[in-house]
């Protein structure tokens, strides 16, 4: 019997892992994780561009004062799947375990690792790792060893030509934001009272910056919770919900079906102004956001974490209506989540653990919805809506008074007519006139509805029995424009105050069908100017009743400006 032993295509595996990190900034995450695992207290990251044979080359420098590496550690650094922390203890704070992360560095033209530990200085150099891998060669590492001071420790990694020298992602504010959201330097652990890393500092210089910025450890949350709802409303009025902030923490909780598995959760309920106050990367009206900015919808909600680092959003876990997640700045950390090789997803986690965690998170979410915290913000929003409605109605009232005073008037057979400013005004004018001039229009309205479709259904006037009467659509417009938001096929007539279309110009309907406006002068003094929408392919003309000329010529109605005594005063 033959025995087959599966083999591994080593170079292909290196390629798959090294280039599986879709976000170039993942290099920053892996570098910071390694520095923390090496117990560094200071980390320095710098991006720059240098000339190489007349071409621009990206240079990345990653440096820390951690423990450094000996030869065994250096071997592990370059190996695939051979992390020196692979068998870390259950409660260990070490992040690396797969031996995959540092392979992201191989996506470059040159890699130099300088490290000092136990009186030895090692310098490892790898040339053209990316090129060699694609040529089906495992890149070689040339290592030199020398003596250094016993007190020296730390590691510096220099990477040239990373990611084909693309550098748009390494703008300072973009990198800083990524660090504070998706790396160990931006860990959420501080909010749970964990202080082991509180003194770690990171010095960052993006590609567009000349000097270093000092970044302190920990994800940025609002500094404090908000005032009481009454104080919020008194201080901010209609913007009160935007300044609402409440924190809910659940710590060392057990999964229901696997009580040995623990998780921590923090839910901040935040208004938009609270978010804007500490996160300048959020796009919002009236603000010129930096390059790489994002919306609240694109970043906020619920993040699942491992090692207190956000891995994947699960906003579908915390919605009932569809957008509630935008109120939340929430994280759930569980060390039993199983990550993909590039740490970009938690989908390797066993289904039963994911379901159990989902049920626990859903329970927390439901309790928040039923709590006074949620009712407080709902109350604030209802109060704001009430105030906004009052203010909106007041502004609308004042605006309409101004419109009334601008409109012209005419008196006809005991009724006051007003030039319309909107479609409803045209309909009102029609209804007023139809009461005193019953034969003015060749049809009568039997149904009126402006919510959907064409405004009215009419029937021909005359003594035709109802069951035999033919019904038509008639559309009301303030002004007829070149674009008609209905179908000509369903339209019998149009009643408007005026037209913004000239003789022989096209009017296009929603079906992109065109008709030509024809303006035909009256045949005699008793006639009036006729407006038609004509189609040479159809015998049916659509008559347009243009009231500003129709009423003047048919009924001799002349509209005039209001006298001083007829102008209404604003309240």
Protein backbone atom coordinates (compact mmCIF):
# COMPACT_ATOMS: atom_id res chain seq x y z
CA UNK A 1 0.00 0.00 0.00
CA UNK A 2 1.38 3.37 -0.98
CA UNK A 3 1.55 6.18 1.58
CA UNK A 4 1.26 9.81 0.49
CA UNK A 5 2.75 12.52 2.66
CA UNK A 6 1.17 15.97 2.06
CA UNK A 7 3.72 18.64 1.22
CA UNK A 8 3.72 22.36 1.69
CA UNK A 9 4.69 24.77 -1.06
CA UNK A 10 6.79 26.97 1.21
CA UNK A 11 7.18 29.96 -1.07
CA UNK A 12 3.48 29.98 -1.95
CA UNK A 13 2.58 29.89 1.75
CA UNK A 14 4.92 32.82 2.41
CA UNK A 15 3.26 34.72 -0.43
CA UNK A 16 -0.26 33.91 0.78
CA UNK A 17 0.49 35.07 4.32
CA UNK A 18 2.75 38.03 3.51
CA UNK A 19 0.29 39.56 1.04
CA UNK A 20 -2.94 38.60 2.80
CA UNK A 21 -2.89 41.84 4.78
CA UNK A 22 -5.18 43.94 2.59
CA UNK A 23 -4.72 47.15 4.58
CA UNK A 24 -1.16 48.54 4.37
CA UNK A 25 -1.62 49.90 7.89
CA UNK A 26 -1.72 46.34 9.23
CA UNK A 27 2.07 46.61 9.26
CA UNK A 28 1.72 49.28 11.97
CA UNK A 29 -0.58 47.05 14.00
CA UNK A 30 1.82 44.10 13.87
CA UNK A 31 4.83 46.27 14.75
CA UNK A 32 3.08 47.72 17.79
CA UNK A 33 1.89 44.28 18.90
CA UNK A 34 5.45 42.96 18.73
CA UNK A 35 6.71 45.92 20.75
CA UNK A 36 4.16 45.32 23.47
CA UNK A 37 4.97 41.61 23.54
CA UNK A 38 8.62 42.64 24.01
CA UNK A 39 7.53 44.78 27.01
CA UNK A 40 8.56 48.05 25.38
CA UNK A 41 7.71 51.31 27.10
CA UNK A 42 8.61 53.56 24.18
CA UNK A 43 7.83 52.94 20.52
CA UNK A 44 8.86 55.09 17.58
CA UNK A 45 7.30 54.89 14.10
CA UNK A 46 8.43 57.10 11.24
CA UNK A 47 7.52 57.27 7.57
CA UNK A 48 9.68 59.10 5.05
CA UNK A 49 10.61 59.16 1.37
CA UNK A 50 14.13 58.98 0.01
CA UNK A 51 15.63 59.01 -3.48
CA UNK A 52 16.98 55.78 -4.90
CA UNK A 53 18.46 55.97 -8.38
CA UNK A 54 16.26 58.96 -9.19
CA UNK A 55 13.07 57.30 -7.91
CA UNK A 56 11.13 57.91 -4.72
CA UNK A 57 11.37 55.07 -2.21
CA UNK A 58 9.23 54.68 0.87
CA UNK A 59 11.15 54.17 4.11
CA UNK A 60 9.49 52.93 7.30
CA UNK A 61 11.32 52.87 10.63
CA UNK A 62 9.89 50.89 13.56
CA UNK A 63 11.82 51.12 16.83
CA UNK A 64 11.21 50.13 20.46
CA UNK A 65 13.08 49.77 23.75
CA UNK A 66 11.71 46.30 24.45
CA UNK A 67 13.62 43.17 25.42
CA UNK A 68 15.19 42.71 22.01
CA UNK A 69 15.85 39.35 20.35
CA UNK A 70 18.56 36.72 20.54
CA UNK A 71 19.37 34.45 17.60
CA UNK A 72 16.47 32.13 18.42
CA UNK A 73 14.05 35.03 18.57
CA UNK A 74 15.38 36.41 15.31
CA UNK A 75 14.90 33.03 13.65
CA UNK A 76 11.30 32.97 14.90
CA UNK A 77 10.79 36.53 13.62
CA UNK A 78 11.53 35.46 10.05
CA UNK A 79 9.97 31.99 10.20
CA UNK A 80 6.41 31.29 9.09
CA UNK A 81 4.10 29.83 11.75
CA UNK A 82 6.90 29.62 14.31
CA UNK A 83 6.03 32.31 16.82
CA UNK A 84 8.12 32.27 19.99
CA UNK A 85 4.81 32.96 21.78
CA UNK A 86 2.82 30.21 20.10
CA UNK A 87 2.18 28.32 23.32
CA UNK A 88 1.43 31.34 25.45
CA UNK A 89 -0.38 30.74 28.71
CA UNK A 90 -4.15 31.21 28.93
CA UNK A 91 -3.95 34.43 30.94
CA UNK A 92 -0.90 35.77 29.11
CA UNK A 93 -1.00 39.35 27.85
CA UNK A 94 1.02 38.43 24.77
CA UNK A 95 -0.68 39.21 21.46
CA UNK A 96 1.32 37.30 18.86
CA UNK A 97 0.74 33.55 18.61
CA UNK A 98 0.41 32.48 14.97
CA UNK A 99 3.83 33.49 13.63
CA UNK A 100 2.12 35.27 10.71
CA UNK A 101 2.08 38.95 11.59
CA UNK A 102 5.68 39.92 10.90
CA UNK A 103 5.46 38.36 7.43
CA UNK A 104 3.62 41.49 6.34
CA UNK A 105 7.08 43.12 6.37
CA UNK A 106 8.15 40.93 3.44
CA UNK A 107 6.03 42.99 1.04
CA UNK A 108 9.05 45.20 0.36
CA UNK A 109 12.35 45.54 -1.50
CA UNK A 110 14.61 45.52 1.55
CA UNK A 111 14.24 44.65 5.24
CA UNK A 112 16.78 45.34 8.02
CA UNK A 113 16.32 44.20 11.60
CA UNK A 114 18.69 45.54 14.28
CA UNK A 115 18.23 44.11 17.76
CA UNK A 116 20.16 44.10 21.06
CA UNK A 117 19.78 41.70 23.96
CA UNK A 118 22.06 40.17 26.64
CA UNK A 119 25.15 42.00 25.42
CA UNK A 120 24.77 40.94 21.79
CA UNK A 121 23.80 43.05 18.80
CA UNK A 122 22.33 41.26 15.79
CA UNK A 123 21.80 42.88 12.41
CA UNK A 124 19.71 40.88 9.94
CA UNK A 125 19.30 41.98 6.33
CA UNK A 126 16.94 40.57 3.70
CA UNK A 127 17.18 41.87 0.13
CA UNK A 128 14.31 41.76 -2.37
CA UNK A 129 12.04 39.47 -0.29
CA UNK A 130 8.97 40.21 -2.41
CA UNK A 131 10.81 39.68 -5.68
CA UNK A 132 12.35 36.42 -4.44
CA UNK A 133 9.01 35.06 -3.23
CA UNK A 134 7.38 35.69 -6.60
CA UNK A 135 10.37 33.96 -8.18
CA UNK A 136 9.53 30.92 -6.01
CA UNK A 137 12.58 31.45 -3.76
CA UNK A 138 12.59 31.64 0.02
CA UNK A 139 14.43 34.91 0.79
CA UNK A 140 17.70 34.52 2.64
CA UNK A 141 18.59 36.51 5.76
CA UNK A 142 22.16 37.65 6.27
CA UNK A 143 22.91 38.11 9.98
CA UNK A 144 25.93 39.77 11.56
CA UNK A 145 26.68 39.58 15.27
CA UNK A 146 28.67 41.91 17.52
CA UNK A 147 29.11 42.76 21.18
CA UNK A 148 27.16 45.57 22.84
CA UNK A 149 26.65 46.89 26.34
CA UNK A 150 24.80 44.43 28.58
CA UNK A 151 22.28 47.15 29.44
CA UNK A 152 21.32 47.73 25.82
CA UNK A 153 18.04 46.25 24.63
CA UNK A 154 15.49 46.92 21.95
CA UNK A 155 14.77 46.45 18.27
CA UNK A 156 14.74 48.65 15.19
CA UNK A 157 13.19 47.51 11.91
CA UNK A 158 13.74 49.45 8.69
CA UNK A 159 11.63 48.62 5.67
CA UNK A 160 12.26 49.98 2.17
CA UNK A 161 9.83 49.99 -0.75
CA UNK A 162 6.90 48.61 1.24
CA UNK A 163 3.71 47.89 -0.72
CA UNK A 164 5.23 49.05 -4.04
CA UNK A 165 6.11 52.42 -2.45
CA UNK A 166 2.46 53.41 -2.18
CA UNK A 167 2.27 55.92 0.64
CA UNK A 168 -1.21 57.48 0.57
CA UNK A 169 -2.21 55.53 3.69
CA UNK A 170 0.72 56.83 5.73
CA UNK A 171 -0.49 60.41 6.15
CA UNK A 172 -0.01 61.34 9.79
CA UNK A 173 -3.65 61.76 10.81
CA UNK A 174 -4.69 58.54 9.06
CA UNK A 175 -1.97 56.52 10.81
CA UNK A 176 -2.70 58.14 14.17
CA UNK A 177 -6.41 57.36 13.87
CA UNK A 178 -5.62 53.74 12.93
CA UNK A 179 -3.26 53.40 15.90
CA UNK A 180 -5.85 54.65 18.37
CA UNK A 181 -8.57 52.36 16.99
CA UNK A 182 -6.94 49.16 15.75
CA UNK A 183 -3.61 48.60 17.51
CA UNK A 184 -2.49 47.69 21.01
CA UNK A 185 -1.55 51.33 21.54
CA UNK A 186 -5.25 52.14 21.22
CA UNK A 187 -6.36 49.22 23.39
CA UNK A 188 -9.72 49.59 25.14
CA UNK A 189 -8.37 47.89 28.27
CA UNK A 190 -7.99 51.15 30.26
CA UNK A 191 -11.74 51.56 30.47
CA UNK A 192 -11.85 48.26 32.41
CA UNK A 193 -9.30 49.50 34.95
CA UNK A 194 -6.28 47.68 33.50
CA UNK A 195 -3.20 49.84 34.06
CA UNK A 196 -0.22 47.67 33.08
CA UNK A 197 0.42 49.65 29.91
CA UNK A 198 -0.72 53.10 30.99
CA UNK A 199 2.80 54.59 30.79
CA UNK A 200 3.65 53.34 27.30
CA UNK A 201 4.36 56.15 24.84
CA UNK A 202 4.44 56.10 21.05
CA UNK A 203 6.24 58.70 18.93
CA UNK A 204 4.73 59.01 15.47
CA UNK A 205 5.80 60.88 12.36
CA UNK A 206 3.59 60.45 9.31
CA UNK A 207 4.90 60.93 5.82
CA UNK A 208 3.53 64.49 5.67
CA UNK A 209 5.01 65.60 9.00
CA UNK A 210 8.48 66.87 9.94
CA UNK A 211 8.42 66.19 13.68
CA UNK A 212 7.15 63.46 16.00
CA UNK A 213 3.86 63.56 17.87
CA UNK A 214 3.67 61.83 21.25
CA UNK A 215 0.67 59.50 21.54
CA UNK A 216 -0.41 58.22 24.93
CA UNK A 217 -1.68 54.72 25.54
CA UNK A 218 -5.35 53.84 25.26
CA UNK A 219 -8.38 54.22 23.02
CA UNK A 220 -9.97 57.64 23.32
CA UNK A 221 -13.36 57.69 24.99
CA UNK A 222 -15.31 60.76 26.16
CA UNK A 223 -13.68 62.26 29.25
CA UNK A 224 -16.87 62.23 31.28
CA UNK A 225 -20.54 61.41 31.14
CA UNK A 226 -23.02 64.16 30.40
CA UNK A 227 -25.07 66.39 32.66
CA UNK A 228 -28.55 65.45 33.78
CA UNK A 229 -31.13 65.64 31.01
CA UNK A 230 -32.68 68.80 32.47
CA UNK A 231 -29.29 70.52 32.65
CA UNK A 232 -28.46 69.34 29.13
CA UNK A 233 -31.68 70.82 27.81
CA UNK A 234 -31.17 74.07 29.70
CA UNK A 235 -27.62 74.43 28.39
CA UNK A 236 -27.92 73.19 24.81
CA UNK A 237 -31.64 73.51 24.01
CA UNK A 238 -32.39 71.78 20.69
CA UNK A 239 -28.86 70.35 20.52
CA UNK A 240 -29.19 68.60 23.90
CA UNK A 241 -29.33 65.01 22.46
CA UNK A 242 -26.13 65.68 20.56
CA UNK A 243 -24.32 66.27 23.87
CA UNK A 244 -25.71 63.23 25.67
CA UNK A 245 -23.14 60.72 26.94
CA UNK A 246 -23.61 57.67 29.17
CA UNK A 247 -21.27 54.73 29.89
CA UNK A 248 -22.38 51.16 30.64
CA UNK A 249 -19.70 48.61 31.61
CA UNK A 250 -20.01 44.85 32.05
CA UNK A 251 -16.86 43.13 33.28
CA UNK A 252 -15.74 39.51 33.68
CA UNK A 253 -19.10 38.20 32.43
CA UNK A 254 -19.57 34.51 31.60
CA UNK A 255 -21.13 33.02 28.51
CA UNK A 256 -24.34 31.19 29.42
CA UNK A 257 -23.50 27.83 27.84
CA UNK A 258 -19.76 28.01 28.45
CA UNK A 259 -19.38 29.77 31.81
CA UNK A 260 -15.61 29.28 31.80
CA UNK A 261 -15.40 31.71 28.87
CA UNK A 262 -15.40 35.34 29.99
CA UNK A 263 -15.96 38.62 28.21
CA UNK A 264 -15.86 42.33 28.99
CA UNK A 265 -18.15 44.90 27.41
CA UNK A 266 -18.38 48.68 27.33
CA UNK A 267 -21.24 50.57 25.73
CA UNK A 268 -21.01 54.33 25.41
CA UNK A 269 -24.23 56.02 24.28
CA UNK A 270 -22.98 59.18 22.57
CA UNK A 271 -24.59 62.07 20.78
CA UNK A 272 -22.96 63.39 17.62
CA UNK A 273 -21.43 66.48 19.30
CA UNK A 274 -19.78 64.25 21.89
CA UNK A 275 -18.18 62.19 19.12
CA UNK A 276 -17.04 65.30 17.27
CA UNK A 277 -15.45 66.70 20.44
CA UNK A 278 -12.82 63.95 20.73
CA UNK A 279 -12.61 62.55 17.17
CA UNK A 280 -11.64 65.04 14.51
CA UNK A 281 -11.65 62.34 11.82
CA UNK A 282 -15.46 62.30 11.62
CA UNK A 283 -17.01 63.99 8.61
CA UNK A 284 -19.92 66.29 9.38
CA UNK A 285 -21.60 69.36 7.87
CA UNK A 286 -19.69 72.62 8.17
CA UNK A 287 -16.40 70.90 9.02
CA UNK A 288 -13.39 70.35 6.77
CA UNK A 289 -12.25 66.90 7.87
CA UNK A 290 -8.67 65.64 7.35
CA UNK A 291 -7.68 63.25 4.58
CA UNK A 292 -8.97 59.76 5.35
CA UNK A 293 -11.94 60.96 7.40
CA UNK A 294 -15.08 58.84 7.73
CA UNK A 295 -18.71 59.13 8.80
CA UNK A 296 -20.21 57.95 12.08
CA UNK A 297 -21.99 55.21 10.14
CA UNK A 298 -18.68 53.95 8.75
CA UNK A 299 -16.86 53.65 12.06
CA UNK A 300 -19.16 53.51 15.08
CA UNK A 301 -21.41 50.85 16.53
CA UNK A 302 -20.37 47.54 18.12
CA UNK A 303 -16.85 46.10 17.71
CA UNK A 304 -15.83 42.60 18.76
CA UNK A 305 -12.31 42.54 20.20
CA UNK A 306 -9.51 40.18 21.12
CA UNK A 307 -6.55 41.32 23.23
CA UNK A 308 -8.73 44.43 23.69
CA UNK A 309 -8.18 45.35 20.04
CA UNK A 310 -11.21 45.90 17.77
CA UNK A 311 -11.32 43.21 15.09
CA UNK A 312 -14.74 43.23 13.43
CA UNK A 313 -17.95 45.27 13.61
CA UNK A 314 -21.22 43.51 14.42
CA UNK A 315 -23.76 46.30 14.19
CA UNK A 316 -26.47 43.84 13.20
CA UNK A 317 -26.37 42.63 16.81
CA UNK A 318 -27.57 45.97 18.19
CA UNK A 319 -30.31 47.19 15.88
CA UNK A 320 -34.08 47.02 15.90
CA UNK A 321 -35.01 49.77 13.47
CA UNK A 322 -31.83 49.93 11.44
CA UNK A 323 -29.70 52.88 12.60
CA UNK A 324 -29.59 52.76 16.41
CA UNK A 325 -25.98 51.58 16.23
CA UNK A 326 -24.88 55.13 15.37
CA UNK A 327 -25.62 56.11 18.97
CA UNK A 328 -23.14 53.53 20.25
CA UNK A 329 -19.39 53.55 20.76
CA UNK A 330 -19.26 49.97 22.01
CA UNK A 331 -16.76 47.13 22.38
CA UNK A 332 -16.97 43.51 23.53
CA UNK A 333 -13.70 41.70 24.28
CA UNK A 334 -13.46 37.91 24.39
CA UNK A 335 -10.15 36.05 24.38
CA UNK A 336 -11.77 32.91 22.95
CA UNK A 337 -12.36 34.55 19.58
CA UNK A 338 -10.38 32.78 16.87
CA UNK A 339 -8.89 35.12 14.29
CA UNK A 340 -7.97 34.63 10.66
CA UNK A 341 -4.28 34.71 9.73
CA UNK A 342 -4.35 38.45 9.02
CA UNK A 343 -6.31 39.24 12.23
CA UNK A 344 -8.99 40.86 10.07
CA UNK A 345 -11.91 38.67 11.07
CA UNK A 346 -13.29 36.61 13.96
CA UNK A 347 -14.99 34.15 11.62
CA UNK A 348 -12.72 31.26 12.67
CA UNK A 349 -14.47 31.27 16.05
CA UNK A 350 -16.58 28.15 16.72
CA UNK A 351 -20.25 28.76 15.92
CA UNK A 352 -21.45 27.81 19.41
CA UNK A 353 -19.19 30.44 21.02
CA UNK A 354 -20.33 33.11 18.56
CA UNK A 355 -23.99 32.28 19.18
CA UNK A 356 -23.47 32.33 22.94
CA UNK A 357 -21.65 35.67 22.76
CA UNK A 358 -24.37 37.08 20.51
CA UNK A 359 -27.06 36.08 23.03
CA UNK A 360 -25.16 37.75 25.86
CA UNK A 361 -24.60 40.95 23.89
CA UNK A 362 -28.25 40.99 22.83
CA UNK A 363 -29.26 40.73 26.48
CA UNK A 364 -27.07 43.71 27.38
CA UNK A 365 -28.48 45.66 24.44
CA UNK A 366 -32.07 44.87 25.41
CA UNK A 367 -31.38 45.97 28.99
CA UNK A 368 -30.00 49.28 27.68
CA UNK A 369 -33.11 49.84 25.58
CA UNK A 370 -35.27 49.25 28.65
CA UNK A 371 -33.10 51.42 30.92
CA UNK A 372 -33.51 55.02 32.00
CA UNK A 373 -30.38 55.85 29.95
CA UNK A 374 -32.17 55.08 26.71
CA UNK A 375 -35.43 56.66 27.83
CA UNK A 376 -33.47 59.78 28.79
CA UNK A 377 -32.16 60.30 25.28
CA UNK A 378 -35.56 59.42 23.79
CA UNK A 379 -37.10 62.02 26.09
CA UNK A 380 -34.50 64.59 25.07
CA UNK A 381 -35.17 63.93 21.41
CA UNK A 382 -38.93 64.22 21.92
CA UNK A 383 -38.46 67.54 23.71
CA UNK A 384 -36.16 68.77 21.00
CA UNK A 385 -38.66 67.67 18.36
CA UNK A 386 -41.37 69.62 20.16
CA UNK A 387 -39.22 72.77 20.38
CA UNK A 388 -38.08 72.33 16.79
CA UNK A 389 -41.68 71.94 15.63
CA UNK A 390 -42.73 75.12 17.45
CA UNK A 391 -39.76 77.05 16.01
CA UNK A 392 -40.30 75.57 12.55
CA UNK A 393 -43.99 76.50 12.61
CA UNK A 394 -43.12 80.00 13.75
CA UNK A 395 -40.57 80.43 10.96
CA UNK A 396 -43.02 78.95 8.47
CA UNK A 397 -45.76 81.30 9.64
CA UNK A 398 -43.50 84.34 9.23
CA UNK A 399 -42.36 83.10 5.83
CA UNK A 400 -45.91 82.61 4.65
CA UNK A 401 -46.91 86.10 5.79
CA UNK A 402 -44.07 87.45 3.66
CA UNK A 403 -45.31 85.37 0.72
CA UNK A 404 -48.86 86.63 1.23
CA UNK A 405 -47.70 90.24 1.20
CA UNK A 406 -45.68 89.63 -1.99
CA UNK A 407 -48.60 88.00 -3.78
CA UNK A 408 -50.98 89.98 -5.96
CA UNK A 409 -54.75 90.02 -5.50
CA UNK A 410 -57.93 90.47 -7.49
CA UNK A 411 -61.57 90.75 -6.48
CA UNK A 412 -64.06 88.86 -8.65
CA UNK A 413 -67.77 88.37 -7.99
CA UNK A 414 -67.39 88.85 -4.25
CA UNK A 415 -64.36 86.60 -3.72
CA UNK A 416 -60.72 87.57 -3.09
CA UNK A 417 -58.30 85.79 -5.44
CA UNK A 418 -54.55 85.53 -4.75
CA UNK A 419 -51.72 84.73 -7.15
CA UNK A 420 -50.45 81.28 -6.14
CA UNK A 421 -46.89 80.51 -5.06
CA UNK A 422 -47.29 76.74 -4.89
CA UNK A 423 -49.23 73.96 -6.53
CA UNK A 424 -51.83 73.93 -3.72
CA UNK A 425 -52.48 77.61 -4.40
CA UNK A 426 -53.31 76.82 -8.03
CA UNK A 427 -55.80 74.19 -6.89
CA UNK A 428 -57.34 76.62 -4.40
CA UNK A 429 -57.71 79.23 -7.15
CA UNK A 430 -59.39 76.65 -9.38
CA UNK A 431 -61.84 75.68 -6.62
CA UNK A 432 -62.73 79.32 -5.90
CA UNK A 433 -63.43 80.07 -9.54
CA UNK A 434 -65.36 76.87 -10.19
CA UNK A 435 -67.87 77.94 -7.54
CA UNK A 436 -68.76 81.20 -9.32
CA UNK A 437 -68.00 80.17 -12.92
CA UNK A 438 -69.29 76.61 -13.16
CA UNK A 439 -68.68 76.37 -16.93
CA UNK A 440 -65.18 77.90 -16.92
CA UNK A 441 -63.47 74.51 -17.30
CA UNK A 442 -64.74 71.65 -19.50
CA UNK A 443 -64.58 69.10 -16.69
CA UNK A 444 -65.42 68.66 -13.04
CA UNK A 445 -63.29 67.09 -10.30
CA UNK A 446 -64.51 63.87 -8.73
CA UNK A 447 -61.35 62.94 -6.75
CA UNK A 448 -58.35 64.87 -5.45
CA UNK A 449 -55.17 63.37 -3.93
CA UNK A 450 -51.67 64.94 -3.95
CA UNK A 451 -49.89 62.13 -2.06
CA UNK A 452 -49.15 59.94 -5.06
CA UNK A 453 -49.61 60.04 -8.81
CA UNK A 454 -51.45 62.77 -10.69
CA UNK A 455 -53.45 65.19 -8.60
CA UNK A 456 -57.08 64.85 -9.70
CA UNK A 457 -59.48 62.62 -11.58
CA UNK A 458 -62.13 64.50 -13.57
CA UNK A 459 -65.05 63.74 -15.83
CA UNK A 460 -66.50 65.61 -18.76
CA UNK A 461 -69.26 68.06 -17.95
CA UNK A 462 -72.69 67.46 -19.35
CA UNK A 463 -75.71 65.25 -18.81
CA UNK A 464 -73.91 61.99 -19.51
CA UNK A 465 -74.94 59.32 -16.97
CA UNK A 466 -72.28 58.64 -14.36
CA UNK A 467 -71.81 55.03 -15.45
CA UNK A 468 -71.07 56.19 -19.02
CA UNK A 469 -68.86 59.19 -18.09
CA UNK A 470 -65.26 59.08 -19.23
CA UNK A 471 -62.68 59.80 -16.54
CA UNK A 472 -59.38 61.67 -16.98
CA UNK A 473 -56.29 62.70 -15.04
CA UNK A 474 -55.63 66.44 -14.59
CA UNK A 475 -52.36 67.65 -13.07
CA UNK A 476 -51.93 70.92 -11.16
CA UNK A 477 -48.62 72.80 -11.32
CA UNK A 478 -47.52 76.20 -10.11
CA UNK A 479 -45.34 76.53 -13.20
CA UNK A 480 -44.95 74.17 -16.12
CA UNK A 481 -41.25 73.38 -16.64
CA UNK A 482 -39.33 71.54 -19.35
CA UNK A 483 -39.35 68.41 -17.17
CA UNK A 484 -42.74 66.90 -16.27
CA UNK A 485 -42.72 64.50 -13.31
CA UNK A 486 -45.60 62.35 -14.58
CA UNK A 487 -46.42 60.40 -17.70
CA UNK A 488 -48.03 62.15 -20.68
CA UNK A 489 -49.84 58.91 -21.40
CA UNK A 490 -51.98 59.34 -18.28
CA UNK A 491 -52.47 63.11 -18.47
CA UNK A 492 -55.55 64.72 -20.05
CA UNK A 493 -54.96 68.36 -19.07
CA UNK A 494 -52.69 70.53 -16.96
CA UNK A 495 -53.73 73.56 -14.92
CA UNK A 496 -50.88 75.90 -13.94
CA UNK A 497 -50.38 79.52 -13.02
CA UNK A 498 -47.63 80.17 -15.58
CA UNK A 499 -45.16 78.40 -17.88
CA UNK A 500 -41.36 78.45 -17.99
CA UNK A 501 -41.40 76.91 -21.48
CA UNK A 502 -41.34 78.79 -24.74
CA UNK A 503 -43.31 78.13 -27.93
CA UNK A 504 -41.95 75.06 -29.78
CA UNK A 505 -39.77 73.98 -26.83
CA UNK A 506 -39.78 70.39 -25.60
CA UNK A 507 -41.27 69.12 -22.35
CA UNK A 508 -39.98 65.69 -21.24
CA UNK A 509 -42.04 63.31 -19.06
CA UNK A 510 -40.83 60.62 -16.62
CA UNK A 511 -40.75 58.06 -19.43
CA UNK A 512 -38.43 60.36 -21.41
CA UNK A 513 -41.20 60.98 -23.94
CA UNK A 514 -41.16 64.46 -25.45
CA UNK A 515 -43.98 66.80 -26.43
CA UNK A 516 -43.74 70.26 -27.97
CA UNK A 517 -45.44 73.25 -26.36
CA UNK A 518 -47.63 75.04 -28.88
CA UNK A 519 -49.01 78.50 -28.06
CA UNK A 520 -51.97 79.45 -30.24
CA UNK A 521 -53.51 82.96 -29.98
CA UNK A 522 -57.28 83.24 -29.61
CA UNK A 523 -59.34 83.53 -32.81
CA UNK A 524 -61.44 86.46 -31.57
CA UNK A 525 -62.09 88.69 -28.55
CA UNK A 526 -64.17 86.02 -26.87
CA UNK A 527 -61.47 83.41 -27.28
CA UNK A 528 -58.29 82.99 -25.24
CA UNK A 529 -54.68 81.96 -25.90
CA UNK A 530 -54.46 78.17 -26.07
CA UNK A 531 -51.47 76.20 -24.81
CA UNK A 532 -51.03 72.59 -25.95
CA UNK A 533 -48.47 69.87 -25.48
CA UNK A 534 -48.35 68.34 -28.93
CA UNK A 535 -47.00 65.05 -30.25
CA UNK A 536 -46.84 64.49 -34.00
CA UNK A 537 -47.22 60.74 -33.39
CA UNK A 538 -50.48 61.21 -31.50
CA UNK A 539 -53.80 62.83 -32.34
CA UNK A 540 -54.32 63.63 -28.66
CA UNK A 541 -53.22 67.07 -27.52
CA UNK A 542 -52.78 67.86 -23.83
CA UNK A 543 -54.32 71.24 -23.10
CA UNK A 544 -52.52 73.44 -20.60
CA UNK A 545 -54.69 76.02 -18.83
CA UNK A 546 -52.26 78.85 -17.98
CA UNK A 547 -54.29 80.80 -15.45
CA UNK A 548 -52.33 84.06 -15.54
CA UNK A 549 -53.39 84.58 -19.18
CA UNK A 550 -56.53 82.40 -19.20
CA UNK A 551 -58.24 84.43 -16.44
CA UNK A 552 -57.19 87.77 -17.93
CA UNK A 553 -58.50 86.90 -21.39
CA UNK A 554 -61.50 84.80 -20.45
CA UNK A 555 -62.81 86.67 -17.39
CA UNK A 556 -60.87 89.96 -17.67
CA UNK A 557 -59.40 89.43 -14.20
CA UNK A 558 -56.43 91.70 -13.47
CA UNK A 559 -54.26 91.03 -10.43
CA UNK A 560 -52.72 93.99 -8.60
CA UNK A 561 -50.27 94.62 -5.77
CA UNK A 562 -51.61 95.04 -2.25
CA UNK A 563 -52.19 98.53 -0.95
CA UNK A 564 -50.57 99.58 2.33
CA UNK A 565 -53.80 98.82 4.20
CA UNK A 566 -53.96 95.32 2.67
CA UNK A 567 -50.47 94.27 3.82
CA UNK A 568 -50.42 91.99 6.88
CA UNK A 569 -48.07 92.75 9.74
CA UNK A 570 -45.73 90.03 10.98
CA UNK A 571 -46.23 88.98 14.60
